[in-house]
Amino acid sequence: MELLTPDVLKNTFSASDLYRRADILQRFFEHFFFELSSHTGERCDLIRAYYRDSDGETLGHAVAVAAWGAGVLDQFTAENLYERIREFKHAVQSLPKLTLYVPVHFPAAQIERIGRWCRTEIQPDVILDLRIDSGTVGGCAFAYHNAFHDVSFTYFSNKERKTLVDLVHSYDG
């Protein structure tokens, strides 16, 4: 059974978000299956209610998980929960990956914007693997299909150091 359905990928753009959401899903289902006495209600509604008092980031992830819908959430049972979560986390390795080196941590909205662009312009099911690298100031670096590209200011300033130094010296400010 396919776990990383289009419903999951439509709002999940980075590997770290996928892992975080799998953890959120696991914690919810542990509560749902092993702590609750009643299992009534739509799982989508129940997961939002379970995380309603969480911090904004966690709540945002829970809302994203709920948006995956019953087709995804109903695949989990008390008997298969841990196996299914392992499969879910492992499935990310089957997706094409673009490793993006950025100078700072990006908020969810920025990751979504970059992810949507990558899925439109590069590959529809690409997943971002974001890495923090302070050396990529003024741009980024990325690896895709075994090729590395550095488009940061640091790279270009090192490459064109003489031109940059000459430009600074010629400025008469």
C-alpha atoms as a PDB file:
ATOM      1  CA  MET A   1       0.000   0.000   0.000  1.00  0.00           C
ATOM      2  CA  GLU A   2       1.386   3.378  -0.990  1.00  0.00           C
ATOM      3  CA  LEU A   3       1.981   5.615   2.010  1.00  0.00           C
ATOM      4  CA  LEU A   4       3.335   8.763   0.371  1.00  0.00           C
ATOM      5  CA  THR A   5       0.202   9.488  -1.601  1.00  0.00           C
ATOM      6  CA  PRO A   6      -0.449  12.724  -3.492  1.00  0.00           C
ATOM      7  CA  ASP A   7      -2.502  13.787  -0.443  1.00  0.00           C
ATOM      8  CA  VAL A   8       0.649  13.603   1.707  1.00  0.00           C
ATOM      9  CA  LEU A   9       2.913  15.264  -0.835  1.00  0.00           C
ATOM     10  CA  LYS A  10       0.526  18.128  -1.608  1.00  0.00           C
ATOM     11  CA  ASN A  11       1.438  19.851   1.668  1.00  0.00           C
ATOM     12  CA  THR A  12       4.723  18.219   2.695  1.00  0.00           C
ATOM     13  CA  PHE A  13       7.812  19.548   0.931  1.00  0.00           C
ATOM     14  CA  SER A  14      10.796  18.634   3.094  1.00  0.00           C
ATOM     15  CA  ALA A  15      12.096  15.375   4.520  1.00  0.00           C
ATOM     16  CA  SER A  16      12.338  16.899   7.988  1.00  0.00           C
ATOM     17  CA  ASP A  17       8.656  17.952   7.849  1.00  0.00           C
ATOM     18  CA  LEU A  18       7.710  14.447   6.753  1.00  0.00           C
ATOM     19  CA  TYR A  19       9.596  12.898   9.684  1.00  0.00           C
ATOM     20  CA  ARG A  20       8.108  15.436  12.113  1.00  0.00           C
ATOM     21  CA  ARG A  21       4.613  14.730  10.829  1.00  0.00           C
ATOM     22  CA  ALA A  22       5.166  10.984  11.141  1.00  0.00           C
ATOM     23  CA  ASP A  23       6.119  11.537  14.800  1.00  0.00           C
ATOM     24  CA  ILE A  24       3.004  13.672  15.328  1.00  0.00           C
ATOM     25  CA  LEU A  25       0.920  10.970  13.694  1.00  0.00           C
ATOM     26  CA  GLN A  26       2.474   8.267  15.873  1.00  0.00           C
ATOM     27  CA  ARG A  27       1.875  10.199  19.100  1.00  0.00           C
ATOM     28  CA  PHE A  28      -1.727  10.881  18.145  1.00  0.00           C
ATOM     29  CA  PHE A  29      -2.392   7.228  17.305  1.00  0.00           C
ATOM     30  CA  GLU A  30      -0.726   6.022  20.500  1.00  0.00           C
ATOM     31  CA  HIS A  31      -3.200   8.201  22.362  1.00  0.00           C
ATOM     32  CA  PHE A  32      -6.078   7.181  20.090  1.00  0.00           C
ATOM     33  CA  PHE A  33      -5.480   3.429  20.207  1.00  0.00           C
ATOM     34  CA  PHE A  34      -4.004   2.899  23.660  1.00  0.00           C
ATOM     35  CA  GLU A  35      -5.332   5.660  25.928  1.00  0.00           C
ATOM     36  CA  LEU A  36      -8.830   6.545  24.715  1.00  0.00           C
ATOM     37  CA  SER A  37     -11.755   4.376  25.680  1.00  0.00           C
ATOM     38  CA  SER A  38     -13.911   5.657  22.814  1.00  0.00           C
ATOM     39  CA  HIS A  39     -12.793   5.876  19.175  1.00  0.00           C
ATOM     40  CA  THR A  40     -15.692   7.873  17.816  1.00  0.00           C
ATOM     41  CA  GLY A  41     -15.275  10.736  15.401  1.00  0.00           C
ATOM     42  CA  GLU A  42     -13.369  11.429  12.245  1.00  0.00           C
ATOM     43  CA  ARG A  43      -9.649  10.953  12.707  1.00  0.00           C
ATOM     44  CA  CYS A  44      -8.962  14.196  10.830  1.00  0.00           C
ATOM     45  CA  ASP A  45     -11.020  16.129  13.390  1.00  0.00           C
ATOM     46  CA  LEU A  46      -9.627  14.169  16.330  1.00  0.00           C
ATOM     47  CA  ILE A  47      -5.982  14.852  15.435  1.00  0.00           C
ATOM     48  CA  ARG A  48      -6.660  18.602  15.156  1.00  0.00           C
ATOM     49  CA  ALA A  49      -8.448  18.513  18.534  1.00  0.00           C
ATOM     50  CA  TYR A  50      -5.644  16.481  20.134  1.00  0.00           C
ATOM     51  CA  TYR A  51      -3.018  19.087  19.159  1.00  0.00           C
ATOM     52  CA  ARG A  52      -5.181  22.238  19.489  1.00  0.00           C
ATOM     53  CA  ASP A  53      -3.305  23.513  22.577  1.00  0.00           C
ATOM     54  CA  SER A  54       0.168  22.822  21.159  1.00  0.00           C
ATOM     55  CA  ASP A  55       2.683  25.426  20.066  1.00  0.00           C
ATOM     56  CA  GLY A  56       2.082  26.986  16.648  1.00  0.00           C
ATOM     57  CA  GLU A  57       4.605  24.864  14.798  1.00  0.00           C
ATOM     58  CA  THR A  58       3.267  21.574  16.154  1.00  0.00           C
ATOM     59  CA  LEU A  59      -0.312  22.650  15.507  1.00  0.00           C
ATOM     60  CA  GLY A  60       0.628  23.584  11.939  1.00  0.00           C
ATOM     61  CA  HIS A  61       2.061  20.115  11.380  1.00  0.00           C
ATOM     62  CA  ALA A  62      -1.019  18.482  12.938  1.00  0.00           C
ATOM     63  CA  VAL A  63      -3.332  20.480  10.676  1.00  0.00           C
ATOM     64  CA  ALA A  64      -1.212  19.408   7.687  1.00  0.00           C
ATOM     65  CA  VAL A  65      -1.500  15.751   8.772  1.00  0.00           C
ATOM     66  CA  ALA A  66      -5.273  16.106   9.168  1.00  0.00           C
ATOM     67  CA  ALA A  67      -5.429  17.511   5.629  1.00  0.00           C
ATOM     68  CA  TRP A  68      -4.039  14.207   4.330  1.00  0.00           C
ATOM     69  CA  GLY A  69      -7.541  12.867   4.854  1.00  0.00           C
ATOM     70  CA  ALA A  70      -9.165   9.627   5.889  1.00  0.00           C
ATOM     71  CA  GLY A  71      -7.570   7.718   3.007  1.00  0.00           C
ATOM     72  CA  VAL A  72      -4.184   8.082   4.685  1.00  0.00           C
ATOM     73  CA  LEU A  73      -5.216   8.125   8.344  1.00  0.00           C
ATOM     74  CA  ASP A  74      -7.456   5.073   8.102  1.00  0.00           C
ATOM     75  CA  GLN A  75      -4.470   2.928   7.052  1.00  0.00           C
ATOM     76  CA  PHE A  76      -3.228   2.958  10.658  1.00  0.00           C
ATOM     77  CA  THR A  77      -4.494   0.415  13.173  1.00  0.00           C
ATOM     78  CA  ALA A  78      -3.372  -0.551  16.667  1.00  0.00           C
ATOM     79  CA  GLU A  79      -1.865  -3.698  15.191  1.00  0.00           C
ATOM     80  CA  ASN A  80       0.138  -2.054  12.401  1.00  0.00           C
ATOM     81  CA  LEU A  81       0.918   1.373  13.884  1.00  0.00           C
ATOM     82  CA  TYR A  82       4.654   1.014  14.499  1.00  0.00           C
ATOM     83  CA  GLU A  83       5.304  -0.968  11.330  1.00  0.00           C
ATOM     84  CA  ARG A  84       3.330   1.560   9.267  1.00  0.00           C
ATOM     85  CA  ILE A  85       5.181   4.523  10.835  1.00  0.00           C
ATOM     86  CA  ARG A  86       8.526   2.828  10.039  1.00  0.00           C
ATOM     87  CA  GLU A  87       7.377   2.234   6.454  1.00  0.00           C
ATOM     88  CA  PHE A  88       6.183   5.818   6.225  1.00  0.00           C
ATOM     89  CA  LYS A  89       9.532   7.221   7.349  1.00  0.00           C
ATOM     90  CA  HIS A  90      11.419   4.801   5.119  1.00  0.00           C
ATOM     91  CA  ALA A  91       9.305   5.706   2.066  1.00  0.00           C
ATOM     92  CA  VAL A  92      10.837   9.190   1.942  1.00  0.00           C
ATOM     93  CA  GLN A  93      14.053   7.560   0.735  1.00  0.00           C
ATOM     94  CA  SER A  94      12.302   6.482  -2.459  1.00  0.00           C
ATOM     95  CA  LEU A  95      11.519  10.073  -3.433  1.00  0.00           C
ATOM     96  CA  PRO A  96      13.863  12.125  -5.602  1.00  0.00           C
ATOM     97  CA  LYS A  97      15.765  14.444  -3.288  1.00  0.00           C
ATOM     98  CA  LEU A  98      17.105  17.950  -3.736  1.00  0.00           C
ATOM     99  CA  THR A  99      19.539  18.866  -0.964  1.00  0.00           C
ATOM    100  CA  LEU A 100      19.407  22.601  -0.374  1.00  0.00           C
ATOM    101  CA  TYR A 101      22.111  24.336   1.680  1.00  0.00           C
ATOM    102  CA  VAL A 102      20.793  27.602   3.101  1.00  0.00           C
ATOM    103  CA  PRO A 103      22.349  30.105   5.517  1.00  0.00           C
ATOM    104  CA  VAL A 104      19.510  30.125   8.070  1.00  0.00           C
ATOM    105  CA  HIS A 105      16.499  28.086   9.160  1.00  0.00           C
ATOM    106  CA  PHE A 106      13.525  28.844   6.905  1.00  0.00           C
ATOM    107  CA  PRO A 107       9.973  29.144   8.239  1.00  0.00           C
ATOM    108  CA  ALA A 108       7.310  26.740   6.968  1.00  0.00           C
ATOM    109  CA  ALA A 109       5.866  29.263   4.493  1.00  0.00           C
ATOM    110  CA  GLN A 110       9.285  29.745   2.847  1.00  0.00           C
ATOM    111  CA  ILE A 111       9.876  25.988   2.635  1.00  0.00           C
ATOM    112  CA  GLU A 112       6.450  25.539   1.045  1.00  0.00           C
ATOM    113  CA  ARG A 113       7.151  28.276  -1.507  1.00  0.00           C
ATOM    114  CA  ILE A 114      10.487  26.726  -2.480  1.00  0.00           C
ATOM    115  CA  GLY A 115       8.983  23.225  -2.479  1.00  0.00           C
ATOM    116  CA  ARG A 116       6.104  24.219  -4.745  1.00  0.00           C
ATOM    117  CA  TRP A 117       8.505  25.865  -7.179  1.00  0.00           C
ATOM    118  CA  CYS A 118      10.752  22.777  -7.205  1.00  0.00           C
ATOM    119  CA  ARG A 119       7.793  20.487  -7.844  1.00  0.00           C
ATOM    120  CA  THR A 120       6.624  22.683 -10.712  1.00  0.00           C
ATOM    121  CA  GLU A 121      10.002  23.369 -12.302  1.00  0.00           C
ATOM    122  CA  ILE A 122      12.145  20.341 -11.392  1.00  0.00           C
ATOM    123  CA  GLN A 123      10.134  17.224 -10.556  1.00  0.00           C
ATOM    124  CA  PRO A 124       6.576  16.738  -9.247  1.00  0.00           C
ATOM    125  CA  ASP A 125       7.493  14.488  -6.322  1.00  0.00           C
ATOM    126  CA  VAL A 126      10.857  15.948  -5.314  1.00  0.00           C
ATOM    127  CA  ILE A 127      11.436  16.270  -1.574  1.00  0.00           C
ATOM    128  CA  LEU A 128      13.703  18.921  -0.073  1.00  0.00           C
ATOM    129  CA  ASP A 129      16.503  17.981   2.275  1.00  0.00           C
ATOM    130  CA  LEU A 130      17.322  21.322   3.914  1.00  0.00           C
ATOM    131  CA  ARG A 131      20.733  21.817   5.496  1.00  0.00           C
ATOM    132  CA  ILE A 132      21.949  24.902   7.336  1.00  0.00           C
ATOM    133  CA  ASP A 133      25.299  26.155   6.029  1.00  0.00           C
ATOM    134  CA  SER A 134      26.279  29.667   7.112  1.00  0.00           C
ATOM    135  CA  GLY A 135      28.788  29.801   4.251  1.00  0.00           C
ATOM    136  CA  THR A 136      25.972  30.127   1.728  1.00  0.00           C
ATOM    137  CA  VAL A 137      25.195  33.737   2.664  1.00  0.00           C
ATOM    138  CA  GLY A 138      23.584  35.727  -0.118  1.00  0.00           C
ATOM    139  CA  GLY A 139      22.231  32.665  -1.892  1.00  0.00           C
ATOM    140  CA  CYS A 140      22.324  28.932  -1.505  1.00  0.00           C
ATOM    141  CA  ALA A 141      23.951  25.766  -2.728  1.00  0.00           C
ATOM    142  CA  PHE A 142      22.185  22.629  -3.826  1.00  0.00           C
ATOM    143  CA  ALA A 143      22.803  19.035  -4.798  1.00  0.00           C
ATOM    144  CA  TYR A 144      20.564  17.194  -7.220  1.00  0.00           C
ATOM    145  CA  HIS A 145      21.192  14.070  -9.303  1.00  0.00           C
ATOM    146  CA  ASN A 146      24.773  13.767  -8.032  1.00  0.00           C
ATOM    147  CA  ALA A 147      25.669  17.308  -9.081  1.00  0.00           C
ATOM    148  CA  PHE A 148      26.546  20.117  -6.667  1.00  0.00           C
ATOM    149  CA  HIS A 149      25.939  23.785  -7.509  1.00  0.00           C
ATOM    150  CA  ASP A 150      26.952  26.727  -5.344  1.00  0.00           C
ATOM    151  CA  VAL A 151      25.173  29.977  -6.165  1.00  0.00           C
ATOM    152  CA  SER A 152      26.002  31.809  -2.956  1.00  0.00           C
ATOM    153  CA  PHE A 153      27.632  35.183  -2.651  1.00  0.00           C
ATOM    154  CA  THR A 154      30.528  33.520  -0.841  1.00  0.00           C
ATOM    155  CA  TYR A 155      31.227  31.280  -3.833  1.00  0.00           C
ATOM    156  CA  PHE A 156      31.092  34.116  -6.351  1.00  0.00           C
ATOM    157  CA  SER A 157      33.083  36.510  -4.178  1.00  0.00           C
ATOM    158  CA  ASN A 158      35.840  33.896  -3.842  1.00  0.00           C
ATOM    159  CA  LYS A 159      35.733  33.109  -7.547  1.00  0.00           C
ATOM    160  CA  GLU A 160      35.874  36.782  -8.567  1.00  0.00           C
ATOM    161  CA  ARG A 161      37.956  38.021  -5.644  1.00  0.00           C
ATOM    162  CA  LYS A 162      40.375  40.093  -7.733  1.00  0.00           C
ATOM    163  CA  THR A 163      37.535  41.823  -9.596  1.00  0.00           C
ATOM    164  CA  LEU A 164      35.723  42.512  -6.335  1.00  0.00           C
ATOM    165  CA  VAL A 165      38.870  43.892  -4.660  1.00  0.00           C
ATOM    166  CA  ASP A 166      39.580  46.085  -7.698  1.00  0.00           C
ATOM    167  CA  LEU A 167      36.009  47.363  -7.609  1.00  0.00           C
ATOM    168  CA  VAL A 168      36.279  48.246  -3.922  1.00  0.00           C
ATOM    169  CA  HIS A 169      39.613  50.014  -4.495  1.00  0.00           C
ATOM    170  CA  SER A 170      38.207  52.003  -7.412  1.00  0.00           C
ATOM    171  CA  TYR A 171      35.321  53.328  -5.363  1.00  0.00           C
ATOM    172  CA  ASP A 172      36.040  56.877  -4.321  1.00  0.00           C
ATOM    173  CA  GLY A 173      33.127  57.297  -1.997  1.00  0.00           C
END
